[in-house]
């Protein structure tokens, strides 16, 4: 069972990395140094799904990590 949890953790970690990299929407130089743009907009469509799935993947990664620690 521990092997399956490790495999699931690796898969979730890779998916989480991909989801975070897809969210790089502000790639200008001001975004690199922490400056925020003056335009505020809401997330819609694919961007909202990607944002929510990133949160879900992070929570799943945390829970699986805790379960692995408890079992070991």
Protein backbone atom coordinates (compact mmCIF):
# COMPACT_ATOMS: atom_id res chain seq x y z
CA UNK A 1 0.00 0.00 0.00
CA UNK A 2 2.86 2.36 0.78
CA UNK A 3 4.22 1.89 -2.74
CA UNK A 4 0.88 2.96 -4.25
CA UNK A 5 0.83 6.06 -2.08
CA UNK A 6 4.34 6.99 -3.19
CA UNK A 7 3.37 6.54 -6.83
CA UNK A 8 0.24 8.66 -6.32
CA UNK A 9 2.34 11.34 -4.61
CA UNK A 10 4.77 11.46 -7.54
CA UNK A 11 1.93 11.73 -10.07
CA UNK A 12 0.21 14.48 -8.08
CA UNK A 13 3.51 16.34 -7.68
CA UNK A 14 4.13 16.32 -11.43
CA UNK A 15 0.55 17.44 -12.12
CA UNK A 16 0.89 20.23 -9.53
CA UNK A 17 4.12 21.47 -11.13
CA UNK A 18 2.48 21.51 -14.56
CA UNK A 19 -0.60 23.33 -13.23
CA UNK A 20 1.53 26.02 -11.55
CA UNK A 21 3.62 26.53 -14.68
CA UNK A 22 0.50 26.95 -16.81
CA UNK A 23 -0.66 29.77 -14.55
CA UNK A 24 2.24 32.07 -15.46
CA UNK A 25 0.07 34.73 -17.07
CA UNK A 26 2.09 37.76 -16.00
CA UNK A 27 5.43 37.24 -17.65
CA UNK A 28 6.41 40.89 -17.95
CA UNK A 29 9.41 42.29 -16.11
CA UNK A 30 7.30 44.05 -13.47
CA UNK A 31 5.72 40.76 -12.47
CA UNK A 32 9.14 39.27 -11.83
CA UNK A 33 9.96 41.88 -9.20
CA UNK A 34 6.57 41.77 -7.50
CA UNK A 35 4.88 44.76 -9.12
CA UNK A 36 1.20 44.24 -9.73
CA UNK A 37 -0.63 45.49 -12.74
CA UNK A 38 -3.26 48.18 -12.31
CA UNK A 39 -5.94 46.10 -14.04
CA UNK A 40 -7.82 43.70 -11.83
CA UNK A 41 -9.79 40.98 -13.53
CA UNK A 42 -11.62 37.88 -12.48
CA UNK A 43 -10.70 34.36 -13.47
CA UNK A 44 -13.00 32.87 -16.08
CA UNK A 45 -13.25 29.70 -18.06
CA UNK A 46 -10.11 27.61 -18.35
CA UNK A 47 -8.17 29.92 -16.06
CA UNK A 48 -10.66 29.37 -13.24
CA UNK A 49 -10.64 25.60 -13.74
CA UNK A 50 -6.84 25.59 -13.70
CA UNK A 51 -6.79 27.70 -10.52
CA UNK A 52 -9.27 25.45 -8.72
CA UNK A 53 -7.51 22.28 -9.86
CA UNK A 54 -4.19 23.65 -8.58
CA UNK A 55 -5.74 24.12 -5.15
CA UNK A 56 -7.23 20.62 -5.25
CA UNK A 57 -3.90 19.09 -6.28
CA UNK A 58 -2.08 20.93 -3.48
CA UNK A 59 -4.58 19.68 -0.90
CA UNK A 60 -4.35 16.12 -2.25
CA UNK A 61 -0.55 16.28 -2.15
CA UNK A 62 -0.64 17.47 1.46
CA UNK A 63 -3.09 14.77 2.54
CA UNK A 64 -1.18 11.97 0.85
CA UNK A 65 2.05 13.23 2.42
CA UNK A 66 0.46 13.20 5.86
CA UNK A 67 -0.93 9.70 5.31
CA UNK A 68 2.50 8.43 4.26
CA UNK A 69 4.07 9.92 7.39
CA UNK A 70 1.43 8.35 9.62
CA UNK A 71 1.85 4.91 8.04
CA UNK A 72 5.64 4.92 8.09
